[in-house]
Amino acid sequence: MGMRVAEGIVGALERLGVNLMFGIPGSQTSPLYDALYSSRIRHVLVRHEQMAAYMADAYAKFTGRIGVCDGTGGPGATNLITGIATSWTDNIPVLAFTGQQPLNQIGKGAFQELDHVSIFKPITKWSTQIVRAERAIETIKEAYRIATWGRPGPVHINIPLDIQTRSLSDDEINMLRQWLFDLSPPKPTGDPCAIEEAVRLLASSKRPIIISGGGVHYSGRAWKPLKALAETLQVPVATTFNGRGSFPEDHPLSAGRIGVHAASYTDEVLAEADVILAVGCRFAYMSTRGWSNINPEAILIHVDIDPEIIGRNYPAKIGIVGDAGAVLKEMLERAGEIHANHDDWIEFLRCSKERWSEERWLACECSGSLIKPQRACLEIRQALSRDTVFTLDAGNNKLWASTFLEIYEPCTWIQSGCFGPMGYAIPAAIACKLADKTRKVVAICGDGGFYMSMHELPTSIQEEAAVIVCIFNDMALGTIRHRQRDLYGGRFISVELKNPDFASVADSMGCVGLEARTYTQLRSALKEAIRESQRGNTSVINIYIDGDEPLPP
């Protein structure tokens, strides 16, 4: 019996271990969906394609496997773009499918016709269109390899409607059924001489620090050798936004999350460091406070899978091109024979942390009927287990959480990343819950971001993915309101929000709506939300925060 291209594509995805796919069907992708009907791949019907791309991104960050999403032609394809750009800036492997009208209609003004390949090209590692049935399986293989090998990233495949219904050749069918090839990405270990020198520098320096970036967390899954190396050489570890979770923030060697609005002790440590080992770190704007918080006199050892990243923003004395996990393991093997004493440096870190803990940021009380956002973070952290997964939106809510909500376990901080789109937290939480039903998953968003994705709450119910949503409600677009207050003399324009009762909105969608105006109410709401999560129900907690509270400098 023959096999259509659409069936072959789905079969190839199965062979690659894909078990979840996010999207919305359309006329140009109908054959693909018909093939999914008999597949073991679970398709998740979202309410907007942008959320499908967010889900694919979060799934890949959480699991370490490729995320897959789809949209039909025209608006279905363009709706994916913001989510794919998020994966592009964070270097996350995502495969995006789009439908297209038949080949013989292209260029004639067909319904919803667009040049999808050109549109996706600037925000993907590869954007292509299948124009020959006999190249379909090979194209899937190549897309997967490009997305996952080297520096990961999204790829895009456009599939015309008539191509999906054509028959595969016998050779293609045999290739699919035999599947003798291994597409696992290689793990280069780096130059052994450079690794030897790097370990020697770390051990002999007085004030070394390791900066763990997204490459350690999302791509390298290298948190175990990272922790072992830090403990062996007694070197503090700081993380970037994307690196959070790669090192436990309650560990004595934790130097916290670096960057904008971070705890002041992180800047003190970075300013004094004499040797920096940066692993899977791009030294981007957010984590460097606009390239201002790194000691320019420090010796930099830069490890990355992509040679183009090494030394891009800061000159590296030692550049090591390799997989984060493989390089860290090699470093650990050599470090085992070295005795390093950094007691004075670790004491400096401890004292800096202690001074920070005594500052006013943690000694906060209610302002009238409003909850301080930093205190809300502390209450949320205290109520939930160490392995709870937090997904974050863009805006002040993420900045508060990135400073005051400690992260202890790998892949429990899934954020909207360097691209910073709003509306990410809820779809990301749903994707993480679908990937692991045993974990508690909490989405933290602002009221502005909640508006952008609250329509996905019914998706969580339909897919039986119970999550907890915490809205930091300041009745405004908080980040821009703060900016207009601080830089434009308080001339507020288009930042105030007249919000409905979000708890009632959640109830109307079939969720459990809760409200918190005091710390007592917040603690009670968190307990109830956890109980409802265990019963399989999604909860939304509307937390009224003090929107005038300034972020840490």
Protein backbone atom coordinates (compact mmCIF):
# COMPACT_ATOMS: atom_id res chain seq x y z
CA MET A 1 0.00 0.00 0.00
CA GLY A 2 1.30 3.47 -0.89
CA MET A 3 2.05 6.30 1.49
CA ARG A 4 1.34 10.00 1.04
CA VAL A 5 3.88 12.70 1.80
CA ALA A 6 1.83 13.91 4.77
CA GLU A 7 1.89 10.42 6.27
CA GLY A 8 5.62 10.17 5.62
CA ILE A 9 6.26 13.48 7.41
CA VAL A 10 4.31 12.34 10.46
CA GLY A 11 6.12 8.99 10.38
CA ALA A 12 9.49 10.76 10.29
CA LEU A 13 8.47 12.90 13.28
CA GLU A 14 7.54 9.75 15.17
CA ARG A 15 10.95 8.24 14.37
CA LEU A 16 12.56 11.39 15.75
CA GLY A 17 10.76 10.96 19.06
CA VAL A 18 8.19 13.73 18.68
CA ASN A 19 5.22 13.14 20.97
CA LEU A 20 3.59 16.58 21.14
CA MET A 21 2.71 19.05 18.41
CA PHE A 22 1.00 22.42 18.89
CA GLY A 23 -1.13 24.31 16.40
CA ILE A 24 -4.43 24.99 14.63
CA PRO A 25 -5.63 23.14 11.51
CA GLY A 26 -6.44 24.93 8.28
CA SER A 27 -7.37 24.11 4.73
CA GLN A 28 -3.75 24.07 3.57
CA THR A 29 -2.69 21.64 6.32
CA SER A 30 -5.68 19.29 6.21
CA PRO A 31 -3.72 16.32 4.75
CA LEU A 32 -1.10 16.70 7.50
CA TYR A 33 -3.82 16.61 10.14
CA ASP A 34 -5.44 13.59 8.53
CA ALA A 35 -2.08 11.83 8.89
CA LEU A 36 -1.88 12.89 12.55
CA TYR A 37 -5.27 11.25 13.18
CA SER A 38 -3.70 7.78 13.19
CA SER A 39 -0.41 8.87 14.76
CA ARG A 40 0.82 8.42 18.33
CA ILE A 41 1.80 12.09 18.27
CA ARG A 42 -0.59 14.09 20.42
CA HIS A 43 -1.73 17.27 18.73
CA VAL A 44 -2.64 20.16 21.05
CA LEU A 45 -5.28 22.52 19.69
CA VAL A 46 -4.42 26.07 20.75
CA ARG A 47 -6.60 29.15 20.43
CA HIS A 48 -3.97 31.21 18.58
CA GLU A 49 -0.95 30.10 16.57
CA GLN A 50 1.36 32.47 18.43
CA MET A 51 0.66 30.40 21.54
CA ALA A 52 1.53 27.22 19.60
CA ALA A 53 4.99 28.62 18.89
CA TYR A 54 5.38 29.64 22.55
CA MET A 55 4.40 26.13 23.61
CA ALA A 56 6.92 24.55 21.23
CA ASP A 57 9.62 26.86 22.60
CA ALA A 58 8.79 26.10 26.23
CA TYR A 59 8.52 22.36 25.55
CA ALA A 60 12.02 22.36 24.03
CA LYS A 61 13.46 24.38 26.93
CA PHE A 62 11.84 22.11 29.50
CA THR A 63 12.57 18.72 27.93
CA GLY A 64 15.70 19.28 25.85
CA ARG A 65 13.89 17.82 22.83
CA ILE A 66 12.81 19.59 19.68
CA GLY A 67 9.50 21.47 19.87
CA VAL A 68 7.06 21.24 16.96
CA CYS A 69 4.30 23.66 15.95
CA ASP A 70 2.21 24.33 12.89
CA GLY A 71 0.05 26.93 11.21
CA THR A 72 -1.88 27.01 8.00
CA GLY A 73 -1.12 29.43 5.17
CA GLY A 74 -1.20 33.23 5.36
CA PRO A 75 -2.33 34.47 8.79
CA GLY A 76 -1.83 31.03 10.34
CA ALA A 77 1.81 31.19 9.29
CA THR A 78 2.41 34.82 10.26
CA ASN A 79 0.84 34.25 13.68
CA LEU A 80 3.72 31.87 14.45
CA ILE A 81 6.39 34.49 13.86
CA THR A 82 6.65 36.07 17.34
CA GLY A 83 7.07 32.68 18.97
CA ILE A 84 9.63 31.53 16.41
CA ALA A 85 11.57 34.77 16.90
CA THR A 86 11.61 33.96 20.63
CA SER A 87 13.24 30.61 19.86
CA TRP A 88 15.65 32.30 17.45
CA THR A 89 16.97 34.76 20.03
CA ASP A 90 17.22 32.06 22.73
CA ASN A 91 18.72 29.43 20.37
CA ILE A 92 15.98 26.87 20.98
CA PRO A 93 15.37 23.94 18.56
CA VAL A 94 11.85 24.28 17.17
CA LEU A 95 10.39 22.90 13.94
CA ALA A 96 7.60 25.03 12.48
CA PHE A 97 5.36 23.71 9.69
CA THR A 98 3.21 25.96 7.53
CA GLY A 99 0.73 25.09 4.82
CA GLN A 100 0.62 26.61 1.37
CA GLN A 101 -1.73 26.58 -1.62
CA PRO A 102 -0.93 24.11 -4.45
CA LEU A 103 2.22 24.82 -6.43
CA ASN A 104 0.32 25.61 -9.62
CA GLN A 105 -1.59 28.42 -7.82
CA ILE A 106 1.43 30.19 -6.35
CA GLY A 107 2.03 33.58 -7.94
CA LYS A 108 -1.54 33.88 -9.22
CA GLY A 109 -3.05 35.61 -6.19
CA ALA A 110 -4.25 32.46 -4.47
CA PHE A 111 -6.21 32.75 -1.22
CA GLN A 112 -3.89 33.48 1.76
CA GLU A 113 -0.84 33.22 -0.47
CA LEU A 114 2.40 34.57 0.99
CA ASP A 115 6.09 33.83 0.55
CA HIS A 116 6.40 32.03 3.88
CA VAL A 117 9.95 30.87 3.21
CA SER A 118 11.23 34.45 2.87
CA ILE A 119 9.25 35.65 5.89
CA PHE A 120 10.72 32.99 8.19
CA LYS A 121 14.25 33.09 6.80
CA PRO A 122 15.62 35.91 9.03
CA ILE A 123 14.43 34.21 12.25
CA THR A 124 15.36 30.59 11.54
CA LYS A 125 18.51 28.57 10.89
CA TRP A 126 16.82 27.19 7.78
CA SER A 127 13.58 28.01 5.98
CA THR A 128 12.57 25.84 3.03
CA GLN A 129 9.66 24.58 0.97
CA ILE A 130 9.11 20.98 -0.10
CA VAL A 131 8.52 21.02 -3.85
CA ARG A 132 9.23 17.37 -4.66
CA ALA A 133 7.61 14.42 -2.94
CA GLU A 134 10.80 12.35 -3.17
CA ARG A 135 12.62 14.94 -1.00
CA ALA A 136 10.08 15.01 1.84
CA ILE A 137 11.69 12.57 4.29
CA GLU A 138 15.18 13.86 3.56
CA THR A 139 13.94 17.41 4.26
CA ILE A 140 12.60 16.41 7.69
CA LYS A 141 15.94 14.76 8.52
CA GLU A 142 17.88 17.81 7.41
CA ALA A 143 15.61 20.20 9.32
CA TYR A 144 16.04 18.20 12.52
CA ARG A 145 19.80 18.08 12.10
CA ILE A 146 20.08 21.81 11.48
CA ALA A 147 17.80 22.64 14.44
CA THR A 148 19.66 20.49 16.95
CA TRP A 149 23.31 20.38 15.83
CA GLY A 150 25.82 23.07 16.77
CA ARG A 151 24.14 26.15 18.18
CA PRO A 152 20.45 25.10 18.27
CA GLY A 153 17.68 27.15 16.73
CA PRO A 154 14.32 27.05 14.95
CA VAL A 155 13.75 25.79 11.42
CA HIS A 156 10.76 26.18 9.11
CA ILE A 157 9.23 23.90 6.47
CA ASN A 158 6.52 25.12 4.11
CA ILE A 159 4.41 22.38 2.53
CA PRO A 160 2.13 23.10 -0.45
CA LEU A 161 -1.24 21.38 -0.30
CA ASP A 162 -0.73 19.26 -3.41
CA ILE A 163 2.71 18.05 -2.24
CA GLN A 164 1.15 16.71 0.97
CA THR A 165 -1.15 14.41 -1.00
CA ARG A 166 1.41 13.03 -3.45
CA SER A 167 2.75 9.51 -3.06
CA LEU A 168 6.17 8.73 -1.66
CA SER A 169 8.52 6.61 -3.72
CA ASP A 170 9.42 3.11 -2.61
CA ASP A 171 12.91 4.34 -1.74
CA GLU A 172 11.47 7.04 0.54
CA ILE A 173 9.16 4.54 2.22
CA ASN A 174 12.04 2.12 2.79
CA MET A 175 14.19 4.94 4.17
CA LEU A 176 11.43 5.80 6.61
CA ARG A 177 10.77 2.22 7.71
CA GLN A 178 14.42 1.22 8.12
CA TRP A 179 15.66 4.52 9.64
CA LEU A 180 19.27 3.39 10.08
CA PHE A 181 20.70 6.87 10.74
CA ASP A 182 21.45 8.52 14.08
CA LEU A 183 20.68 12.24 14.18
CA SER A 184 21.91 12.80 17.74
CA PRO A 185 24.00 15.99 17.78
CA PRO A 186 27.75 15.55 18.29
CA LYS A 187 29.26 16.70 21.59
CA PRO A 188 32.66 18.27 20.85
CA THR A 189 34.88 18.34 23.94
CA GLY A 190 37.04 21.31 23.00
CA ASP A 191 40.81 21.78 22.80
CA PRO A 192 42.44 19.75 25.63
CA CYS A 193 45.33 22.23 25.96
CA ALA A 194 42.91 25.12 26.36
CA ILE A 195 40.92 23.15 28.92
CA GLU A 196 44.08 22.38 30.87
CA GLU A 197 45.04 26.06 30.93
CA ALA A 198 41.49 27.09 31.91
CA VAL A 199 41.46 24.78 34.93
CA ARG A 200 44.88 26.02 36.01
CA LEU A 201 43.72 29.64 35.83
CA LEU A 202 40.55 28.93 37.83
CA ALA A 203 42.45 27.07 40.52
CA SER A 204 45.31 29.57 40.86
CA SER A 205 43.24 32.77 40.79
CA LYS A 206 42.16 34.57 43.94
CA ARG A 207 38.64 35.55 42.91
CA PRO A 208 37.29 33.25 40.16
CA ILE A 209 33.66 33.04 39.14
CA ILE A 210 31.68 30.85 36.73
CA ILE A 211 28.88 32.43 34.68
CA SER A 212 26.35 29.81 33.59
CA GLY A 213 24.26 30.78 30.58
CA GLY A 214 21.41 29.30 28.61
CA GLY A 215 23.77 26.91 26.83
CA VAL A 216 24.39 25.07 30.10
CA HIS A 217 20.71 24.97 30.90
CA TYR A 218 18.68 24.52 27.74
CA SER A 219 21.13 23.04 25.23
CA GLY A 220 23.91 21.34 27.18
CA ARG A 221 21.78 20.01 30.06
CA ALA A 222 25.10 20.31 31.87
CA TRP A 223 24.06 21.25 35.40
CA LYS A 224 25.63 18.16 37.02
CA PRO A 225 29.22 18.69 35.81
CA LEU A 226 28.79 22.43 36.43
CA LYS A 227 27.93 21.88 40.08
CA ALA A 228 30.64 19.26 40.51
CA LEU A 229 33.30 21.55 39.00
CA ALA A 230 32.26 24.49 41.16
CA GLU A 231 32.37 22.37 44.32
CA THR A 232 35.69 20.75 43.42
CA LEU A 233 37.45 24.07 42.79
CA GLN A 234 35.31 26.04 45.26
CA VAL A 235 34.31 28.62 42.64
CA PRO A 236 31.11 30.70 42.96
CA VAL A 237 28.53 30.40 40.18
CA ALA A 238 26.38 33.20 38.79
CA THR A 239 23.71 32.66 36.15
CA THR A 240 22.19 34.68 33.35
CA PHE A 241 18.41 34.95 32.98
CA ASN A 242 18.36 31.84 30.78
CA GLY A 243 20.87 30.07 32.99
CA ARG A 244 18.70 30.16 36.11
CA GLY A 245 18.17 26.67 37.49
CA SER A 246 21.50 25.35 36.25
CA PHE A 247 22.89 25.98 39.75
CA PRO A 248 20.82 25.94 42.99
CA GLU A 249 20.41 29.47 44.32
CA ASP A 250 20.45 28.35 47.96
CA HIS A 251 23.91 26.78 47.52
CA PRO A 252 26.75 28.53 49.43
CA LEU A 253 28.58 29.01 46.12
CA SER A 254 25.63 30.63 44.36
CA ALA A 255 26.34 34.20 43.25
CA GLY A 256 22.77 34.66 42.06
CA ARG A 257 21.28 35.89 38.82
CA ILE A 258 23.28 38.68 37.20
CA GLY A 259 22.01 41.60 35.16
CA VAL A 260 19.40 44.32 35.24
CA HIS A 261 17.60 44.82 38.57
CA ALA A 262 19.58 41.97 40.15
CA ALA A 263 20.58 41.84 43.82
CA SER A 264 23.42 44.28 44.48
CA TYR A 265 25.80 41.56 45.69
CA THR A 266 25.99 40.10 42.17
CA ASP A 267 27.51 43.34 40.88
CA GLU A 268 29.96 43.42 43.80
CA VAL A 269 31.20 39.92 42.98
CA LEU A 270 31.46 40.56 39.24
CA ALA A 271 33.40 43.77 39.84
CA GLU A 272 35.98 41.93 41.98
CA ALA A 273 36.34 38.74 39.92
CA ASP A 274 39.80 38.24 38.42
CA VAL A 275 39.01 35.13 36.33
CA ILE A 276 35.65 34.47 34.66
CA LEU A 277 34.65 31.14 33.16
CA ALA A 278 31.61 31.84 30.96
CA VAL A 279 29.84 28.72 29.70
CA GLY A 280 27.05 28.91 27.10
CA CYS A 281 26.82 32.65 27.72
CA ARG A 282 26.46 35.36 25.06
CA PHE A 283 27.02 38.36 27.39
CA ALA A 284 23.78 39.91 26.12
CA TYR A 285 22.35 43.25 27.22
CA MET A 286 20.03 42.09 30.02
CA SER A 287 22.57 40.00 31.92
CA THR A 288 25.40 42.53 31.62
CA ARG A 289 23.41 45.67 32.53
CA GLY A 290 24.14 46.98 29.07
CA TRP A 291 27.70 45.58 29.09
CA SER A 292 28.61 47.48 32.26
CA ASN A 293 28.84 44.94 35.11
CA ILE A 294 31.76 42.73 34.00
CA ASN A 295 35.22 43.60 35.32
CA PRO A 296 37.13 44.57 32.14
CA GLU A 297 40.40 43.55 33.81
CA ALA A 298 39.24 39.99 34.51
CA ILE A 299 40.70 37.14 32.47
CA LEU A 300 37.88 35.61 30.43
CA ILE A 301 37.60 31.92 29.58
CA HIS A 302 34.73 31.57 27.12
CA VAL A 303 33.13 28.21 26.31
CA ASP A 304 30.48 27.93 23.59
CA ILE A 305 29.38 25.51 20.89
CA ASP A 306 29.42 28.40 18.38
CA PRO A 307 32.83 29.95 17.62
CA GLU A 308 31.13 33.16 16.46
CA ILE A 309 29.92 33.84 20.02
CA ILE A 310 33.31 33.53 21.70
CA GLY A 311 34.82 36.95 22.32
CA ARG A 312 31.97 38.79 20.59
CA ASN A 313 31.22 41.29 23.40
CA TYR A 314 34.23 40.75 25.66
CA PRO A 315 37.74 39.66 24.58
CA ALA A 316 38.54 36.10 25.65
CA LYS A 317 42.01 35.04 26.74
CA ILE A 318 40.97 31.41 26.25
CA GLY A 319 38.24 30.39 23.82
CA ILE A 320 36.98 26.81 23.91
CA VAL A 321 34.63 25.67 21.15
CA GLY A 322 32.63 22.74 22.45
CA ASP A 323 29.48 21.36 23.99
CA ALA A 324 28.92 22.79 27.48
CA GLY A 325 28.48 19.40 29.14
CA ALA A 326 31.40 17.75 27.36
CA VAL A 327 33.77 20.62 28.14
CA LEU A 328 32.71 20.84 31.80
CA LYS A 329 33.25 17.10 32.20
CA GLU A 330 36.75 17.42 30.77
CA MET A 331 37.48 20.32 33.10
CA LEU A 332 36.16 18.35 36.07
CA GLU A 333 38.41 15.40 35.24
CA ARG A 334 41.48 17.65 35.31
CA ALA A 335 40.33 19.58 38.38
CA GLY A 336 40.18 16.42 40.47
CA GLU A 337 43.97 16.48 40.85
CA ILE A 338 44.16 20.15 41.91
CA HIS A 339 43.77 21.69 45.35
CA ALA A 340 42.23 25.17 45.27
CA ASN A 341 41.67 27.48 48.23
CA HIS A 342 39.21 30.30 47.70
CA ASP A 343 37.97 30.65 51.30
CA ASP A 344 38.47 34.42 51.44
CA TRP A 345 36.59 34.88 48.17
CA ILE A 346 33.67 32.70 49.33
CA GLU A 347 33.57 34.70 52.59
CA PHE A 348 33.40 37.91 50.52
CA LEU A 349 30.41 36.44 48.67
CA ARG A 350 28.73 35.42 51.93
CA CYS A 351 29.13 38.88 53.46
CA SER A 352 27.84 40.58 50.32
CA LYS A 353 24.74 38.36 50.37
CA GLU A 354 24.21 39.11 54.04
CA ARG A 355 24.32 42.87 53.46
CA TRP A 356 21.80 42.49 50.64
CA SER A 357 19.43 40.47 52.83
CA GLU A 358 19.42 43.31 55.38
CA GLU A 359 18.40 45.94 52.83
CA ARG A 360 14.86 47.26 52.69
CA TRP A 361 13.85 45.07 49.75
CA LEU A 362 13.09 42.04 51.89
CA ALA A 363 11.64 43.93 54.87
CA CYS A 364 8.45 44.95 53.08
CA GLU A 365 4.90 45.34 54.32
CA CYS A 366 1.57 45.97 52.61
CA SER A 367 1.03 49.47 51.23
CA GLY A 368 -2.58 50.10 52.12
CA SER A 369 -4.54 47.32 50.44
CA LEU A 370 -1.77 46.35 48.03
CA ILE A 371 0.85 43.59 48.24
CA LYS A 372 4.52 44.36 47.67
CA PRO A 373 5.60 42.39 44.56
CA GLN A 374 8.85 41.17 46.11
CA ARG A 375 6.94 39.83 49.09
CA ALA A 376 4.51 38.10 46.72
CA CYS A 377 7.50 36.30 45.19
CA LEU A 378 8.70 35.18 48.61
CA GLU A 379 5.23 33.89 49.52
CA ILE A 380 4.93 31.97 46.23
CA ARG A 381 8.35 30.40 46.72
CA GLN A 382 7.59 29.38 50.29
CA ALA A 383 4.29 27.76 49.33
CA LEU A 384 5.67 25.56 46.55
CA SER A 385 8.10 22.66 46.38
CA ARG A 386 11.68 22.94 45.11
CA ASP A 387 10.88 21.18 41.85
CA THR A 388 7.91 23.41 40.93
CA VAL A 389 8.25 24.70 37.38
CA PHE A 390 7.82 28.46 36.94
CA THR A 391 7.05 30.01 33.56
CA LEU A 392 7.53 33.74 33.18
CA ASP A 393 6.11 36.49 31.05
CA ALA A 394 7.89 39.67 30.00
CA GLY A 395 7.73 42.81 32.12
CA ASN A 396 8.15 43.80 35.75
CA ASN A 397 6.59 40.53 36.91
CA LYS A 398 9.58 38.64 35.49
CA LEU A 399 12.08 41.12 36.91
CA TRP A 400 10.58 40.87 40.41
CA ALA A 401 10.54 37.07 40.20
CA SER A 402 14.07 36.86 38.80
CA THR A 403 15.39 38.68 41.88
CA PHE A 404 13.13 37.52 44.71
CA LEU A 405 11.91 34.06 43.70
CA GLU A 406 14.81 31.66 44.16
CA ILE A 407 15.25 28.79 41.69
CA TYR A 408 16.74 25.53 42.93
CA GLU A 409 16.33 22.85 40.27
CA PRO A 410 17.17 22.55 36.56
CA CYS A 411 14.50 23.47 34.03
CA THR A 412 12.21 25.03 36.63
CA TRP A 413 12.63 28.57 35.24
CA ILE A 414 11.15 28.78 31.73
CA GLN A 415 11.01 32.39 30.57
CA SER A 416 10.15 34.43 27.52
CA GLY A 417 13.84 35.06 26.97
CA CYS A 418 15.89 37.69 25.24
CA PHE A 419 13.13 38.55 22.75
CA GLY A 420 10.82 39.30 25.69
CA PRO A 421 7.31 38.78 24.29
CA MET A 422 4.29 39.26 26.54
CA GLY A 423 1.71 36.50 26.82
CA TYR A 424 4.31 33.70 27.08
CA ALA A 425 3.78 32.40 30.61
CA ILE A 426 0.39 30.67 30.30
CA PRO A 427 1.02 28.71 27.06
CA ALA A 428 4.51 27.84 28.33
CA ALA A 429 3.04 26.49 31.55
CA ILE A 430 0.56 24.33 29.62
CA ALA A 431 3.35 22.89 27.47
CA CYS A 432 5.49 22.04 30.51
CA LYS A 433 2.55 20.39 32.25
CA LEU A 434 1.77 18.30 29.18
CA ALA A 435 5.42 17.24 29.04
CA ASP A 436 5.37 16.10 32.69
CA LYS A 437 2.00 15.66 34.37
CA THR A 438 3.66 14.89 37.72
CA ARG A 439 5.10 18.40 38.17
CA LYS A 440 3.42 21.48 39.59
CA VAL A 441 3.63 24.29 37.05
CA VAL A 442 3.06 27.96 37.91
CA ALA A 443 2.73 30.76 35.35
CA ILE A 444 3.65 34.22 36.59
CA CYS A 445 2.43 37.11 34.46
CA GLY A 446 1.37 40.72 34.69
CA ASP A 447 -2.15 41.88 33.97
CA GLY A 448 -1.05 43.13 30.54
CA GLY A 449 0.46 39.78 29.64
CA PHE A 450 -2.55 37.91 31.02
CA TYR A 451 -4.79 39.70 28.52
CA MET A 452 -2.60 38.42 25.68
CA SER A 453 -2.96 34.73 26.48
CA MET A 454 -5.90 34.22 28.85
CA HIS A 455 -7.77 32.66 25.93
CA GLU A 456 -5.49 29.63 26.39
CA LEU A 457 -7.00 28.81 29.81
CA PRO A 458 -9.66 26.65 28.10
CA THR A 459 -6.78 24.86 26.34
CA SER A 460 -5.42 23.82 29.74
CA ILE A 461 -8.84 22.44 30.62
CA GLN A 462 -9.42 20.69 27.29
CA GLU A 463 -5.94 19.13 27.41
CA GLU A 464 -6.21 18.28 31.15
CA ALA A 465 -3.07 20.28 31.91
CA ALA A 466 -3.80 21.83 35.29
CA VAL A 467 -1.60 24.85 35.96
CA ILE A 468 -1.56 27.68 38.49
CA VAL A 469 -1.57 31.23 37.13
CA CYS A 470 -0.41 34.10 39.35
CA ILE A 471 -1.30 37.55 37.98
CA PHE A 472 0.78 40.43 39.34
CA ASN A 473 -2.03 42.96 38.87
CA ASP A 474 -0.90 46.59 39.07
CA MET A 475 -3.69 47.89 36.81
CA ALA A 476 -1.10 49.03 34.29
CA LEU A 477 1.57 48.14 31.79
CA GLY A 478 4.02 48.32 34.68
CA THR A 479 7.37 48.39 32.91
CA ILE A 480 6.40 51.28 30.65
CA ARG A 481 4.57 53.08 33.46
CA HIS A 482 7.77 53.00 35.54
CA ARG A 483 9.71 54.29 32.54
CA GLN A 484 7.27 57.15 31.96
CA ARG A 485 7.43 57.99 35.67
CA ASP A 486 11.22 57.94 35.94
CA LEU A 487 12.28 59.33 32.55
CA TYR A 488 9.35 61.43 31.33
CA GLY A 489 8.24 63.31 34.42
CA GLY A 490 5.23 61.12 35.15
CA ARG A 491 3.49 62.02 31.89
CA PHE A 492 1.53 58.76 31.69
CA ILE A 493 -0.02 57.84 28.38
CA SER A 494 -1.66 54.56 27.35
CA VAL A 495 -0.31 52.57 30.30
CA GLU A 496 -3.26 52.50 32.72
CA LEU A 497 -5.54 49.45 32.48
CA LYS A 498 -9.17 49.26 33.56
CA ASN A 499 -9.30 45.58 34.42
CA PRO A 500 -12.26 43.27 34.94
CA ASP A 501 -12.45 40.90 37.89
CA PHE A 502 -9.88 38.38 36.65
CA ALA A 503 -10.99 35.78 39.19
CA SER A 504 -14.53 35.91 37.77
CA VAL A 505 -13.16 35.76 34.22
CA ALA A 506 -11.24 32.62 35.17
CA ASP A 507 -14.37 31.10 36.73
CA SER A 508 -16.32 31.76 33.54
CA MET A 509 -13.69 29.82 31.57
CA GLY A 510 -13.99 26.78 33.81
CA CYS A 511 -10.99 27.53 36.04
CA VAL A 512 -10.89 28.25 39.76
CA GLY A 513 -10.68 32.02 40.23
CA LEU A 514 -9.01 33.33 43.39
CA GLU A 515 -8.13 36.79 44.67
CA ALA A 516 -5.50 38.18 47.02
CA ARG A 517 -5.27 41.70 48.43
CA THR A 518 -3.41 40.79 51.63
CA TYR A 519 -0.61 38.39 52.48
CA THR A 520 -3.05 36.25 54.44
CA GLN A 521 -5.33 36.00 51.41
CA LEU A 522 -2.35 35.21 49.19
CA ARG A 523 -1.20 32.35 51.41
CA SER A 524 -4.75 30.97 51.50
CA ALA A 525 -5.16 31.31 47.73
CA LEU A 526 -1.87 29.51 47.08
CA LYS A 527 -2.90 26.62 49.32
CA GLU A 528 -6.25 26.34 47.55
CA ALA A 529 -4.62 26.55 44.10
CA ILE A 530 -2.23 23.73 45.02
CA ARG A 531 -5.16 21.59 46.18
CA GLU A 532 -7.05 22.31 42.96
CA SER A 533 -3.98 21.47 40.89
CA GLN A 534 -3.82 18.07 42.58
CA ARG A 535 -7.49 17.58 41.64
CA GLY A 536 -6.70 18.40 38.02
CA ASN A 537 -8.09 21.95 37.97
CA THR A 538 -6.42 25.10 36.66
CA SER A 539 -6.43 28.03 39.09
CA VAL A 540 -5.93 31.75 38.54
CA ILE A 541 -4.85 33.96 41.46
CA ASN A 542 -5.44 37.68 40.94
CA ILE A 543 -2.77 39.32 43.14
CA TYR A 544 -3.19 43.06 43.65
CA ILE A 545 0.36 44.40 43.88
CA ASP A 546 1.78 47.83 44.62
CA GLY A 547 2.61 49.03 41.12
CA ASP A 548 4.50 52.06 42.45
CA GLU A 549 7.13 49.92 44.18
CA PRO A 550 10.45 50.59 42.41
CA LEU A 551 12.55 47.69 41.20
CA PRO A 552 16.03 47.22 42.67
CA PRO A 553 18.51 49.51 40.87
